[in-house]
Amino acid sequence: MRAVGYLDYIYSPTQITPVQAFENQQWWQKFSFHDSPPLSFFIQHIFFKIFGDTIFIARLPYALFGTVSIILMFILGSSLYSKKFGLLSAALAAVSNYSVWTSRISLLETFVIFFTLLTLISIVKAIKGQEEYLIGVGVFIGLGLLSKYTALVLLPLSFFIILFSKKELFKSRRLYGGMLLFFIIISPLIIYNVNYYLTRGHFDAALSSLVGAQPDDFKGLKRNYEGIPGFAAVYFIFERSENLFFSLFALMGLFLLMLNKFLPSKFPKLLVTAVLLYFASTLLVFFGSSAPRFISLVSPAWVLLASAAIMYLYQIYKYKRIITVLTFIAVCYFFLVAYNSQVLALEPFSTQPILFQKPLRGLENNYYHLDNWLEDFFYTQKPIIPFKEPPFKMPVPQLNRLAEKKEMLVKSRLGNQGLSPEMAFVFYDDRMQYTHVRWIFWRRAFNELRPILSFQELAFVLTASGPDFFEKTGFDSYYFIFTAIDKSEIENHHSVQIMKLLDEAGYKPYTTIRNLQNRPLFIIYKTNTLSFLFSNG
């Protein structure tokens, strides 16, 4: 949602963003975001400006970066060993479950992986004699850090690969030119955090968390990290990432590279050094967290290790055609695993833990149907300014000034027609997932000026302004959207109570949004009054 207007604002009482913290916009405010570096938001913002703000466009940059990463995997594998190794690495990357997952659901790790691969390619090229690529090392690490702070692992990774492979490069001017460009690229982060510290007494949320601080501004962002020490992290990755057979190939490759000098058919030293150090650097993440999105950072290293195992079998086995055929079958099987976990996530044909993997995709496919329904619903309605007067008026000066500008733009676009005569208001179930609520409802309420409130906010408005507030304001139709998939353990949840009151008043569902399997996802009621909410006093 924030990428649509490139505005660092989250409606939450437990997160204080600069928009809320400062009455006037600070000169450094747009250099970054309070909980993440800015590059991913900026790229999405450009895509939205050009193509419009749809869920497809929101995910398009991640899909493109993920696709190009497959090509980069081929280049890296070819540079480390051979074109056959590169093709195999690219093929495995294309069907890697976690690689597909991060690209499809728009995780920041997609950008980190992309710039990690570019960094490794630049290092390998430089070690092989093309020292001009050293400039790219600093550039790509900087861009990775502008994507997410976990890219910090690229600094020790690059240092040790060069140290163990060709330490003479430390004397190259191009290396220090790359370092200069690195600091220039991350200067927005430096400026943002220095000023954040000077004005609020702490760094941004992500950096504060990284150094172990928990400022009051971000008390709602406390991470419950599940740290995993040492080789336990390897077991965790083995158990959680990809599927059993993919992981067995990767573990085989890990041991083969560790024992490389004792093998009858040896791998190049650069391949061994780069891949082992790459894998080791990704393990650093698990000293802080074991969230599934962090496992995706290990995925490229896991792919390279699995490729090394298959290439070793190809080298030592006499009947190479058999290995080629078996490899093709394995890639097809891994594709089937990813398809089952990603495309068929809601109705997988198997969740058997040995042959397949538990689906990684959650409920976002379900919310996609709701997003489409709302898109069609609002298409025929003109925007309405729902928060220009109390109790809708937001107690945030920066937001109020921005809302006034948006209102002027809307009125100029509508000409003399004024605001919508239909005056329909949408209320949504608080049990819906927070991440989807931000995109589906908050984006429309703030960026498109649509009249939308949660059930809890509805209760607040009615309590503060009286039961006839909406009728007096001019609204004459109301849509109540209930979730059928996000259940609450609280039996007297106000969402349950509102649906009970609707049923008791004789209202029937206006429509039901279903998935392709005809399973109910969201139930929508329509009324012309809110009096049923007060029928029992």
Protein backbone atom coordinates (compact mmCIF):
# COMPACT_ATOMS: atom_id res chain seq x y z
CA MET A 1 0.00 0.00 0.00
CA ARG A 2 2.78 2.44 0.91
CA ALA A 3 4.37 2.08 -2.51
CA VAL A 4 1.21 3.40 -4.21
CA GLY A 5 1.63 6.93 -2.90
CA TYR A 6 5.22 6.46 -1.71
CA LEU A 7 4.02 7.42 1.76
CA ASP A 8 5.44 5.87 4.94
CA TYR A 9 2.23 5.55 6.89
CA ILE A 10 0.67 2.55 8.66
CA TYR A 11 -2.56 2.91 10.59
CA SER A 12 -1.47 1.35 13.87
CA PRO A 13 -1.37 2.62 17.46
CA THR A 14 1.76 0.53 18.09
CA GLN A 15 3.86 1.94 15.23
CA ILE A 16 4.77 5.60 15.02
CA THR A 17 5.93 6.56 11.54
CA PRO A 18 7.49 9.93 10.60
CA VAL A 19 4.14 10.96 9.11
CA GLN A 20 2.63 10.71 12.60
CA ALA A 21 5.70 11.81 14.55
CA PHE A 22 6.19 15.17 12.82
CA GLU A 23 3.58 17.85 12.16
CA ASN A 24 5.39 18.95 9.00
CA GLN A 25 7.13 16.72 6.50
CA GLN A 26 10.86 16.50 7.19
CA TRP A 27 13.31 17.10 4.35
CA TRP A 28 14.80 13.61 4.83
CA GLN A 29 11.50 11.78 5.35
CA LYS A 30 11.19 10.26 1.87
CA PHE A 31 14.77 8.94 1.82
CA SER A 32 13.62 5.66 3.38
CA PHE A 33 10.83 3.98 5.37
CA HIS A 34 10.50 3.47 9.10
CA ASP A 35 10.63 -0.35 8.91
CA SER A 36 12.47 -1.12 5.68
CA PRO A 37 14.95 0.38 3.20
CA PRO A 38 13.31 2.19 0.27
CA LEU A 39 14.37 0.47 -2.97
CA SER A 40 11.56 -2.09 -3.23
CA PHE A 41 8.89 0.53 -2.46
CA PHE A 42 10.44 2.91 -4.99
CA ILE A 43 10.48 0.29 -7.76
CA GLN A 44 6.87 -0.68 -7.03
CA HIS A 45 5.90 3.00 -6.99
CA ILE A 46 7.35 3.48 -10.49
CA PHE A 47 5.44 0.43 -11.75
CA PHE A 48 2.22 1.75 -10.18
CA LYS A 49 2.73 5.15 -11.79
CA ILE A 50 3.16 3.60 -15.23
CA PHE A 51 0.72 0.67 -15.17
CA GLY A 52 -1.74 1.42 -12.35
CA ASP A 53 -2.11 0.02 -8.84
CA THR A 54 -3.38 -3.54 -9.24
CA ILE A 55 -2.27 -6.68 -7.41
CA PHE A 56 -0.75 -7.94 -10.67
CA ILE A 57 1.40 -4.82 -11.02
CA ALA A 58 2.31 -4.99 -7.31
CA ARG A 59 3.82 -8.43 -7.87
CA LEU A 60 5.20 -7.84 -11.37
CA PRO A 61 8.60 -6.37 -10.34
CA TYR A 62 9.23 -9.29 -8.00
CA ALA A 63 8.31 -11.79 -10.69
CA LEU A 64 10.66 -10.04 -13.14
CA PHE A 65 13.54 -9.91 -10.66
CA GLY A 66 12.94 -13.57 -9.78
CA THR A 67 12.95 -14.56 -13.45
CA VAL A 68 16.15 -12.65 -14.20
CA SER A 69 17.71 -14.33 -11.14
CA ILE A 70 17.41 -17.65 -12.97
CA ILE A 71 19.52 -16.19 -15.81
CA LEU A 72 21.99 -14.84 -13.25
CA MET A 73 22.23 -18.31 -11.71
CA PHE A 74 23.25 -19.64 -15.13
CA ILE A 75 25.92 -16.94 -15.48
CA LEU A 76 27.23 -17.59 -11.97
CA GLY A 77 27.33 -21.36 -12.42
CA SER A 78 29.04 -21.03 -15.81
CA SER A 79 31.62 -18.63 -14.35
CA LEU A 80 32.34 -20.90 -11.38
CA TYR A 81 32.66 -24.16 -13.29
CA SER A 82 31.11 -24.81 -16.72
CA LYS A 83 28.09 -24.09 -18.89
CA LYS A 84 26.63 -27.48 -17.98
CA PHE A 85 26.90 -26.55 -14.31
CA GLY A 86 25.32 -23.18 -15.09
CA LEU A 87 22.40 -24.75 -16.98
CA LEU A 88 21.81 -27.23 -14.18
CA SER A 89 21.89 -24.48 -11.55
CA ALA A 90 19.45 -22.36 -13.56
CA ALA A 91 17.10 -25.32 -14.05
CA LEU A 92 17.07 -26.13 -10.33
CA ALA A 93 16.61 -22.45 -9.44
CA ALA A 94 13.59 -22.27 -11.77
CA VAL A 95 11.84 -25.13 -9.92
CA SER A 96 13.09 -24.30 -6.42
CA ASN A 97 10.05 -24.09 -4.18
CA TYR A 98 11.30 -21.15 -2.13
CA SER A 99 12.54 -19.22 -5.16
CA VAL A 100 9.10 -19.48 -6.76
CA TRP A 101 7.43 -18.56 -3.47
CA THR A 102 9.40 -15.35 -2.86
CA SER A 103 8.85 -14.16 -6.43
CA ARG A 104 5.11 -14.87 -6.43
CA ILE A 105 4.14 -13.22 -3.14
CA SER A 106 6.40 -10.16 -3.39
CA LEU A 107 8.89 -10.76 -0.59
CA LEU A 108 11.82 -8.35 -0.25
CA GLU A 109 14.14 -11.36 -0.29
CA THR A 110 13.60 -11.49 -4.07
CA PHE A 111 15.62 -8.29 -4.45
CA VAL A 112 18.26 -9.43 -1.95
CA ILE A 113 18.79 -12.68 -3.88
CA PHE A 114 18.97 -10.77 -7.17
CA PHE A 115 21.70 -8.42 -5.95
CA THR A 116 23.49 -11.26 -4.14
CA LEU A 117 23.86 -13.15 -7.40
CA LEU A 118 25.11 -10.01 -9.18
CA THR A 119 27.63 -9.49 -6.37
CA LEU A 120 28.92 -13.06 -6.63
CA ILE A 121 29.17 -12.85 -10.45
CA SER A 122 31.18 -9.63 -10.14
CA ILE A 123 33.55 -11.19 -7.58
CA VAL A 124 34.11 -14.32 -9.69
CA LYS A 125 34.73 -12.26 -12.84
CA ALA A 126 37.23 -10.08 -10.97
CA ILE A 127 39.08 -13.08 -9.53
CA LYS A 128 39.34 -14.52 -13.04
CA GLY A 129 41.12 -11.41 -14.27
CA GLN A 130 38.41 -8.85 -15.12
CA GLU A 131 39.17 -6.43 -12.29
CA GLU A 132 36.72 -3.81 -13.60
CA TYR A 133 33.97 -5.96 -12.07
CA LEU A 134 35.22 -4.98 -8.62
CA ILE A 135 33.33 -1.72 -9.04
CA GLY A 136 30.15 -3.76 -9.44
CA VAL A 137 30.76 -5.50 -6.11
CA GLY A 138 30.29 -2.26 -4.19
CA VAL A 139 27.36 -1.16 -6.36
CA PHE A 140 25.40 -4.39 -5.97
CA ILE A 141 26.03 -4.74 -2.25
CA GLY A 142 24.78 -1.17 -1.85
CA LEU A 143 21.63 -1.89 -3.87
CA GLY A 144 21.08 -5.07 -1.88
CA LEU A 145 21.30 -3.08 1.34
CA LEU A 146 18.82 -0.55 -0.07
CA SER A 147 16.47 -3.53 -0.49
CA LYS A 148 16.81 -5.12 2.95
CA TYR A 149 19.29 -5.03 5.80
CA THR A 150 19.90 -8.79 5.61
CA ALA A 151 22.11 -7.97 2.59
CA LEU A 152 24.73 -6.94 5.17
CA VAL A 153 25.99 -10.54 5.00
CA LEU A 154 27.35 -9.71 1.54
CA LEU A 155 30.10 -7.61 3.13
CA PRO A 156 31.88 -10.45 5.01
CA LEU A 157 31.01 -12.87 2.18
CA SER A 158 32.76 -10.69 -0.42
CA PHE A 159 35.73 -10.04 1.86
CA PHE A 160 36.45 -13.71 2.57
CA ILE A 161 35.94 -14.93 -1.00
CA ILE A 162 38.52 -12.41 -2.21
CA LEU A 163 40.82 -13.15 0.76
CA PHE A 164 40.87 -16.90 0.13
CA SER A 165 40.85 -16.74 -3.68
CA LYS A 166 42.89 -13.73 -4.78
CA LYS A 167 43.90 -11.38 -1.99
CA GLU A 168 45.92 -9.28 -4.43
CA LEU A 169 42.62 -7.67 -5.39
CA PHE A 170 42.69 -5.75 -2.10
CA LYS A 171 45.35 -3.55 -3.71
CA SER A 172 43.16 -2.71 -6.70
CA ARG A 173 41.91 0.87 -7.04
CA ARG A 174 38.74 -0.45 -8.61
CA LEU A 175 37.85 -2.21 -5.36
CA TYR A 176 38.04 1.07 -3.45
CA GLY A 177 36.16 2.82 -6.23
CA GLY A 178 33.41 0.27 -5.69
CA MET A 179 33.53 0.96 -1.95
CA LEU A 180 33.06 4.68 -2.62
CA LEU A 181 30.04 3.94 -4.82
CA PHE A 182 28.71 1.66 -2.07
CA PHE A 183 28.62 4.54 0.42
CA ILE A 184 27.10 6.88 -2.15
CA ILE A 185 24.32 4.37 -2.90
CA ILE A 186 23.45 3.76 0.76
CA SER A 187 23.68 7.48 1.63
CA PRO A 188 19.85 7.78 1.76
CA LEU A 189 19.86 5.16 4.53
CA ILE A 190 22.64 6.96 6.38
CA ILE A 191 20.95 10.36 6.12
CA TYR A 192 17.58 8.91 7.12
CA ASN A 193 18.87 7.05 10.18
CA VAL A 194 21.12 9.85 11.40
CA ASN A 195 18.24 12.30 11.30
CA TYR A 196 15.86 9.76 12.80
CA TYR A 197 18.27 9.33 15.71
CA LEU A 198 18.74 13.07 16.17
CA THR A 199 14.99 13.78 16.21
CA ARG A 200 13.52 10.64 17.82
CA GLY A 201 16.45 9.15 19.72
CA HIS A 202 16.65 5.90 17.75
CA PHE A 203 17.23 4.44 14.28
CA ASP A 204 14.53 3.06 12.00
CA ALA A 205 12.65 -0.04 13.13
CA ALA A 206 14.65 -2.57 11.11
CA LEU A 207 18.04 -1.18 12.11
CA SER A 208 16.95 -0.76 15.73
CA SER A 209 15.92 -4.41 15.81
CA LEU A 210 19.22 -5.40 14.20
CA VAL A 211 21.21 -3.78 17.01
CA GLY A 212 18.89 -5.15 19.70
CA ALA A 213 16.98 -1.95 20.49
CA GLN A 214 13.20 -1.77 21.00
CA PRO A 215 12.14 1.91 21.00
CA ASP A 216 8.62 2.84 22.10
CA ASP A 217 7.85 4.16 18.62
CA PHE A 218 7.96 0.59 17.31
CA LYS A 219 6.62 -1.41 20.24
CA GLY A 220 4.23 -3.17 17.87
CA LEU A 221 7.14 -4.53 15.83
CA LYS A 222 8.85 -6.62 18.49
CA ARG A 223 10.34 -9.66 16.82
CA ASN A 224 9.91 -13.00 18.49
CA TYR A 225 13.06 -14.46 17.00
CA GLU A 226 13.68 -18.16 17.20
CA GLY A 227 17.44 -18.24 17.08
CA ILE A 228 19.04 -21.48 15.91
CA PRO A 229 22.72 -21.99 16.74
CA GLY A 230 25.45 -23.69 14.75
CA PHE A 231 24.79 -26.89 12.82
CA ALA A 232 21.23 -26.99 14.16
CA ALA A 233 20.57 -24.35 11.50
CA VAL A 234 21.71 -26.78 8.81
CA TYR A 235 19.24 -29.37 10.08
CA PHE A 236 16.49 -26.76 10.19
CA ILE A 237 17.14 -25.79 6.57
CA PHE A 238 17.23 -29.46 5.62
CA GLU A 239 13.91 -30.06 7.34
CA ARG A 240 12.11 -26.91 6.17
CA SER A 241 13.48 -26.00 2.75
CA GLU A 242 12.49 -27.57 -0.54
CA ASN A 243 11.64 -31.28 -0.21
CA LEU A 244 13.52 -34.34 1.03
CA PHE A 245 15.20 -35.33 -2.25
CA PHE A 246 16.24 -31.79 -3.19
CA SER A 247 17.73 -31.37 0.29
CA LEU A 248 19.54 -34.72 0.07
CA PHE A 249 21.24 -33.59 -3.15
CA ALA A 250 22.20 -30.30 -1.47
CA LEU A 251 23.64 -32.02 1.61
CA MET A 252 25.55 -34.40 -0.64
CA GLY A 253 26.99 -31.40 -2.49
CA LEU A 254 27.89 -29.75 0.84
CA PHE A 255 29.93 -32.75 1.98
CA LEU A 256 31.53 -33.22 -1.44
CA LEU A 257 32.79 -29.63 -1.50
CA MET A 258 34.03 -29.89 2.08
CA LEU A 259 35.96 -33.05 1.14
CA ASN A 260 36.94 -31.79 -2.33
CA LYS A 261 40.68 -32.43 -2.17
CA PHE A 262 40.12 -36.10 -1.35
CA LEU A 263 37.84 -36.73 -4.31
CA PRO A 264 39.00 -38.51 -7.47
CA SER A 265 37.39 -35.77 -9.57
CA LYS A 266 38.04 -32.38 -8.02
CA PHE A 267 36.04 -29.15 -8.30
CA PRO A 268 37.85 -25.85 -8.98
CA LYS A 269 39.04 -24.11 -5.81
CA LEU A 270 37.03 -20.97 -6.61
CA LEU A 271 33.79 -22.99 -6.86
CA VAL A 272 34.46 -24.65 -3.51
CA THR A 273 35.39 -21.39 -1.78
CA ALA A 274 32.53 -19.30 -3.16
CA VAL A 275 29.74 -21.81 -2.63
CA LEU A 276 30.81 -22.88 0.86
CA LEU A 277 31.26 -19.30 2.01
CA TYR A 278 27.95 -18.32 0.40
CA PHE A 279 26.17 -21.11 2.26
CA ALA A 280 27.92 -20.23 5.53
CA SER A 281 26.97 -16.54 5.20
CA THR A 282 23.29 -17.41 4.77
CA LEU A 283 23.44 -19.39 8.01
CA LEU A 284 24.18 -16.14 9.84
CA VAL A 285 20.55 -15.19 9.32
CA PHE A 286 19.43 -18.10 11.48
CA PHE A 287 21.30 -16.81 14.50
CA GLY A 288 18.57 -14.16 14.55
CA SER A 289 15.46 -15.69 13.02
CA SER A 290 14.04 -18.84 11.49
CA ALA A 291 11.04 -17.31 9.72
CA PRO A 292 10.28 -19.05 6.39
CA ARG A 293 11.07 -15.93 4.36
CA PHE A 294 14.67 -16.05 5.62
CA ILE A 295 15.04 -19.64 4.39
CA SER A 296 14.56 -18.29 0.87
CA LEU A 297 17.94 -16.54 1.20
CA VAL A 298 19.54 -19.98 1.51
CA SER A 299 17.79 -21.26 -1.60
CA PRO A 300 20.41 -20.16 -4.20
CA ALA A 301 23.21 -21.71 -2.12
CA TRP A 302 21.11 -24.86 -1.75
CA VAL A 303 20.70 -24.93 -5.54
CA LEU A 304 24.45 -24.60 -6.13
CA LEU A 305 25.17 -27.40 -3.65
CA ALA A 306 22.60 -29.70 -5.29
CA SER A 307 24.08 -28.88 -8.70
CA ALA A 308 27.55 -29.78 -7.43
CA ALA A 309 26.29 -33.19 -6.27
CA ILE A 310 24.66 -33.96 -9.62
CA MET A 311 27.73 -32.77 -11.57
CA TYR A 312 29.97 -34.99 -9.45
CA LEU A 313 27.82 -38.04 -10.25
CA TYR A 314 27.97 -37.04 -13.92
CA GLN A 315 31.77 -36.88 -13.79
CA ILE A 316 32.46 -40.20 -12.08
CA TYR A 317 29.70 -42.33 -13.59
CA LYS A 318 30.50 -44.11 -16.84
CA TYR A 319 27.00 -43.99 -18.34
CA LYS A 320 26.50 -40.25 -18.58
CA ARG A 321 23.27 -40.46 -20.59
CA ILE A 322 21.61 -42.26 -17.69
CA ILE A 323 22.65 -39.45 -15.32
CA THR A 324 21.32 -36.89 -17.82
CA VAL A 325 17.95 -38.65 -18.08
CA LEU A 326 17.69 -39.07 -14.30
CA THR A 327 18.54 -35.39 -13.82
CA PHE A 328 15.79 -34.39 -16.26
CA ILE A 329 13.33 -36.58 -14.33
CA ALA A 330 14.47 -35.00 -11.05
CA VAL A 331 13.95 -31.47 -12.40
CA CYS A 332 10.45 -32.42 -13.59
CA TYR A 333 9.71 -33.88 -10.18
CA PHE A 334 10.92 -30.72 -8.40
CA PHE A 335 8.70 -28.70 -10.76
CA LEU A 336 5.75 -30.86 -9.70
CA VAL A 337 6.58 -30.22 -6.02
CA ALA A 338 6.68 -26.44 -6.59
CA TYR A 339 3.46 -26.53 -8.62
CA ASN A 340 1.71 -28.46 -5.88
CA SER A 341 2.96 -26.08 -3.18
CA GLN A 342 2.39 -22.82 -5.06
CA VAL A 343 -0.32 -23.05 -7.72
CA LEU A 344 -2.38 -25.73 -5.97
CA ALA A 345 -1.71 -24.39 -2.49
CA LEU A 346 -5.38 -24.30 -1.46
CA GLU A 347 -6.18 -27.73 -2.90
CA PRO A 348 -2.83 -29.59 -3.19
CA PHE A 349 -2.97 -33.10 -4.57
CA SER A 350 -0.56 -34.20 -1.83
CA THR A 351 0.92 -32.88 1.42
CA GLN A 352 2.94 -36.03 2.04
CA PRO A 353 6.11 -34.70 3.78
CA ILE A 354 8.64 -37.00 2.14
CA LEU A 355 7.67 -36.79 -1.52
CA PHE A 356 6.19 -33.29 -1.40
CA GLN A 357 6.18 -30.26 0.85
CA LYS A 358 3.59 -28.42 2.88
CA PRO A 359 2.17 -25.57 0.75
CA LEU A 360 3.98 -22.29 1.39
CA ARG A 361 1.31 -20.00 -0.02
CA GLY A 362 -1.28 -18.93 2.49
CA LEU A 363 -4.62 -17.24 1.92
CA GLU A 364 -3.51 -14.61 -0.60
CA ASN A 365 -5.27 -16.42 -3.45
CA ASN A 366 -8.53 -16.13 -1.51
CA TYR A 367 -8.08 -12.40 -0.99
CA TYR A 368 -7.37 -11.99 -4.68
CA HIS A 369 -11.05 -12.81 -5.33
CA LEU A 370 -12.15 -10.15 -2.83
CA ASP A 371 -9.83 -7.59 -4.41
CA ASN A 372 -11.38 -8.27 -7.81
CA TRP A 373 -14.92 -7.92 -6.44
CA LEU A 374 -14.12 -4.57 -4.83
CA GLU A 375 -12.45 -3.38 -8.03
CA ASP A 376 -15.65 -4.09 -9.97
CA PHE A 377 -17.82 -2.63 -7.21
CA PHE A 378 -16.01 0.70 -6.99
CA TYR A 379 -15.54 1.00 -10.76
CA THR A 380 -19.08 2.35 -11.14
CA GLN A 381 -18.86 4.72 -8.15
CA LYS A 382 -17.24 8.09 -7.87
CA PRO A 383 -14.84 8.66 -4.97
CA ILE A 384 -16.21 10.07 -1.71
CA ILE A 385 -14.17 11.87 0.92
CA PRO A 386 -15.03 9.94 4.08
CA PHE A 387 -12.58 11.56 6.47
CA LYS A 388 -12.78 15.31 5.86
CA GLU A 389 -14.93 15.96 8.96
CA PRO A 390 -14.86 14.53 12.50
CA PRO A 391 -14.94 11.74 13.51
CA PHE A 392 -13.30 10.74 10.22
CA LYS A 393 -10.82 13.61 10.19
CA MET A 394 -7.43 12.09 10.96
CA PRO A 395 -5.47 13.62 13.87
CA VAL A 396 -2.33 13.64 11.72
CA PRO A 397 -1.55 17.03 10.11
CA GLN A 398 0.57 15.58 7.31
CA LEU A 399 -2.21 13.18 6.33
CA ASN A 400 -4.92 15.83 6.51
CA ARG A 401 -2.98 18.13 4.20
CA LEU A 402 -2.42 15.26 1.78
CA ALA A 403 -6.12 14.33 1.95
CA GLU A 404 -7.07 17.90 1.03
CA LYS A 405 -4.81 17.73 -2.03
CA LYS A 406 -6.35 14.42 -3.05
CA GLU A 407 -9.85 15.85 -2.64
CA MET A 408 -8.98 18.74 -4.93
CA LEU A 409 -7.63 16.32 -7.54
CA VAL A 410 -10.77 14.21 -7.36
CA LYS A 411 -13.08 17.22 -7.73
CA SER A 412 -11.08 18.58 -10.65
CA ARG A 413 -11.32 15.20 -12.36
CA LEU A 414 -15.07 14.98 -11.80
CA GLY A 415 -15.72 18.54 -12.94
CA ASN A 416 -19.20 19.84 -12.03
CA GLN A 417 -20.56 16.42 -11.26
CA GLY A 418 -19.41 16.69 -7.64
CA LEU A 419 -19.20 13.67 -5.40
CA SER A 420 -21.00 10.39 -5.93
CA PRO A 421 -24.79 10.53 -5.48
CA GLU A 422 -25.00 6.83 -4.61
CA MET A 423 -23.21 7.19 -1.24
CA ALA A 424 -22.46 3.55 -0.43
CA PHE A 425 -20.28 2.69 2.55
CA VAL A 426 -18.24 -0.50 2.96
CA PHE A 427 -17.50 -2.11 6.32
CA TYR A 428 -15.13 -5.06 6.65
CA ASP A 429 -14.49 -7.84 9.12
CA ASP A 430 -11.64 -7.18 11.60
CA ARG A 431 -10.69 -10.85 11.54
CA MET A 432 -9.17 -10.53 8.08
CA GLN A 433 -5.41 -10.80 7.78
CA TYR A 434 -3.61 -7.54 8.42
CA THR A 435 -1.34 -7.64 5.36
CA HIS A 436 -4.30 -8.12 3.01
CA VAL A 437 -6.40 -5.48 4.79
CA ARG A 438 -3.68 -2.93 4.07
CA TRP A 439 -3.72 -3.59 0.33
CA ILE A 440 -7.42 -4.25 -0.22
CA PHE A 441 -9.04 -1.73 2.13
CA TRP A 442 -6.55 0.87 3.36
CA ARG A 443 -5.20 1.49 -0.14
CA ARG A 444 -8.68 2.22 -1.42
CA ALA A 445 -9.70 4.27 1.61
CA PHE A 446 -6.70 6.56 1.49
CA ASN A 447 -5.35 6.55 -2.05
CA GLU A 448 -8.70 6.27 -3.84
CA LEU A 449 -10.80 8.16 -1.26
CA ARG A 450 -13.28 5.31 -0.84
CA PRO A 451 -15.65 5.20 2.18
CA ILE A 452 -14.37 2.14 4.01
CA LEU A 453 -14.17 1.32 7.72
CA SER A 454 -13.61 -1.82 9.77
CA PHE A 455 -16.36 -3.13 12.04
CA GLN A 456 -14.43 -1.86 15.04
CA GLU A 457 -14.11 1.61 13.50
CA LEU A 458 -17.83 1.53 12.73
CA ALA A 459 -18.55 0.93 16.42
CA PHE A 460 -16.29 3.83 17.35
CA VAL A 461 -18.03 6.25 14.96
CA LEU A 462 -21.52 5.25 16.11
CA THR A 463 -20.51 5.59 19.76
CA ALA A 464 -18.90 8.98 19.20
CA SER A 465 -21.48 10.52 16.83
CA GLY A 466 -24.74 8.70 17.38
CA PRO A 467 -26.69 5.96 15.57
CA ASP A 468 -27.95 8.24 12.79
CA PHE A 469 -24.59 9.76 11.89
CA PHE A 470 -24.24 7.98 8.54
CA GLU A 471 -27.79 8.75 7.44
CA LYS A 472 -27.30 12.43 8.30
CA THR A 473 -24.05 12.43 6.34
CA GLY A 474 -25.96 11.22 3.31
CA PHE A 475 -25.06 7.53 3.02
CA ASP A 476 -27.98 5.39 1.94
CA SER A 477 -26.53 1.91 1.37
CA TYR A 478 -24.11 -0.18 3.40
CA TYR A 479 -22.10 -3.29 2.54
CA PHE A 480 -20.85 -5.61 5.29
CA ILE A 481 -18.03 -7.93 4.22
CA PHE A 482 -17.49 -10.97 6.44
CA THR A 483 -14.65 -13.46 6.14
CA ALA A 484 -15.43 -17.16 5.96
CA ILE A 485 -11.77 -18.20 6.18
CA ASP A 486 -10.23 -16.17 9.02
CA LYS A 487 -11.93 -17.52 12.12
CA SER A 488 -11.72 -15.98 15.58
CA GLU A 489 -11.51 -18.05 18.76
CA ILE A 490 -13.57 -15.38 20.53
CA GLU A 491 -17.20 -16.45 20.30
CA ASN A 492 -18.56 -12.97 21.08
CA HIS A 493 -16.30 -11.23 18.56
CA HIS A 494 -18.13 -8.13 17.27
CA SER A 495 -17.98 -9.53 13.72
CA VAL A 496 -19.98 -12.54 14.91
CA GLN A 497 -22.41 -10.26 16.73
CA ILE A 498 -23.00 -8.07 13.66
CA MET A 499 -23.73 -11.10 11.48
CA LYS A 500 -26.12 -12.40 14.16
CA LEU A 501 -27.97 -9.06 14.19
CA LEU A 502 -28.22 -9.11 10.39
CA ASP A 503 -29.69 -12.61 10.44
CA GLU A 504 -32.14 -11.72 13.21
CA ALA A 505 -33.29 -8.67 11.22
CA GLY A 506 -34.10 -10.94 8.29
CA TYR A 507 -31.25 -9.91 5.98
CA LYS A 508 -29.90 -12.50 3.55
CA PRO A 509 -26.41 -12.44 2.01
CA TYR A 510 -26.25 -10.02 -0.92
CA THR A 511 -23.54 -12.16 -2.52
CA THR A 512 -20.96 -14.76 -1.60
CA ILE A 513 -17.44 -14.70 -3.04
CA ARG A 514 -16.19 -18.21 -3.74
CA ASN A 515 -12.94 -19.72 -4.98
CA LEU A 516 -12.54 -21.97 -8.02
CA GLN A 517 -13.47 -24.97 -5.88
CA ASN A 518 -16.76 -23.21 -4.96
CA ARG A 519 -15.69 -22.84 -1.35
CA PRO A 520 -17.18 -19.74 0.37
CA LEU A 521 -14.53 -17.13 1.06
CA PHE A 522 -16.36 -13.90 1.88
CA ILE A 523 -20.02 -13.27 2.66
CA ILE A 524 -21.43 -9.82 1.83
CA TYR A 525 -24.61 -8.30 3.19
CA LYS A 526 -26.27 -5.13 1.90
CA THR A 527 -28.59 -2.88 3.90
CA ASN A 528 -30.16 0.55 3.46
CA THR A 529 -30.05 1.39 7.15
CA LEU A 530 -27.97 0.73 10.26
CA SER A 531 -30.97 0.61 12.58
CA PHE A 532 -30.69 -3.18 12.92
CA LEU A 533 -27.53 -2.62 15.00
CA PHE A 534 -29.66 -1.00 17.72
CA SER A 535 -32.66 -3.32 17.59
CA ASN A 536 -31.71 -4.84 20.95
CA GLY A 537 -30.89 -1.52 22.50
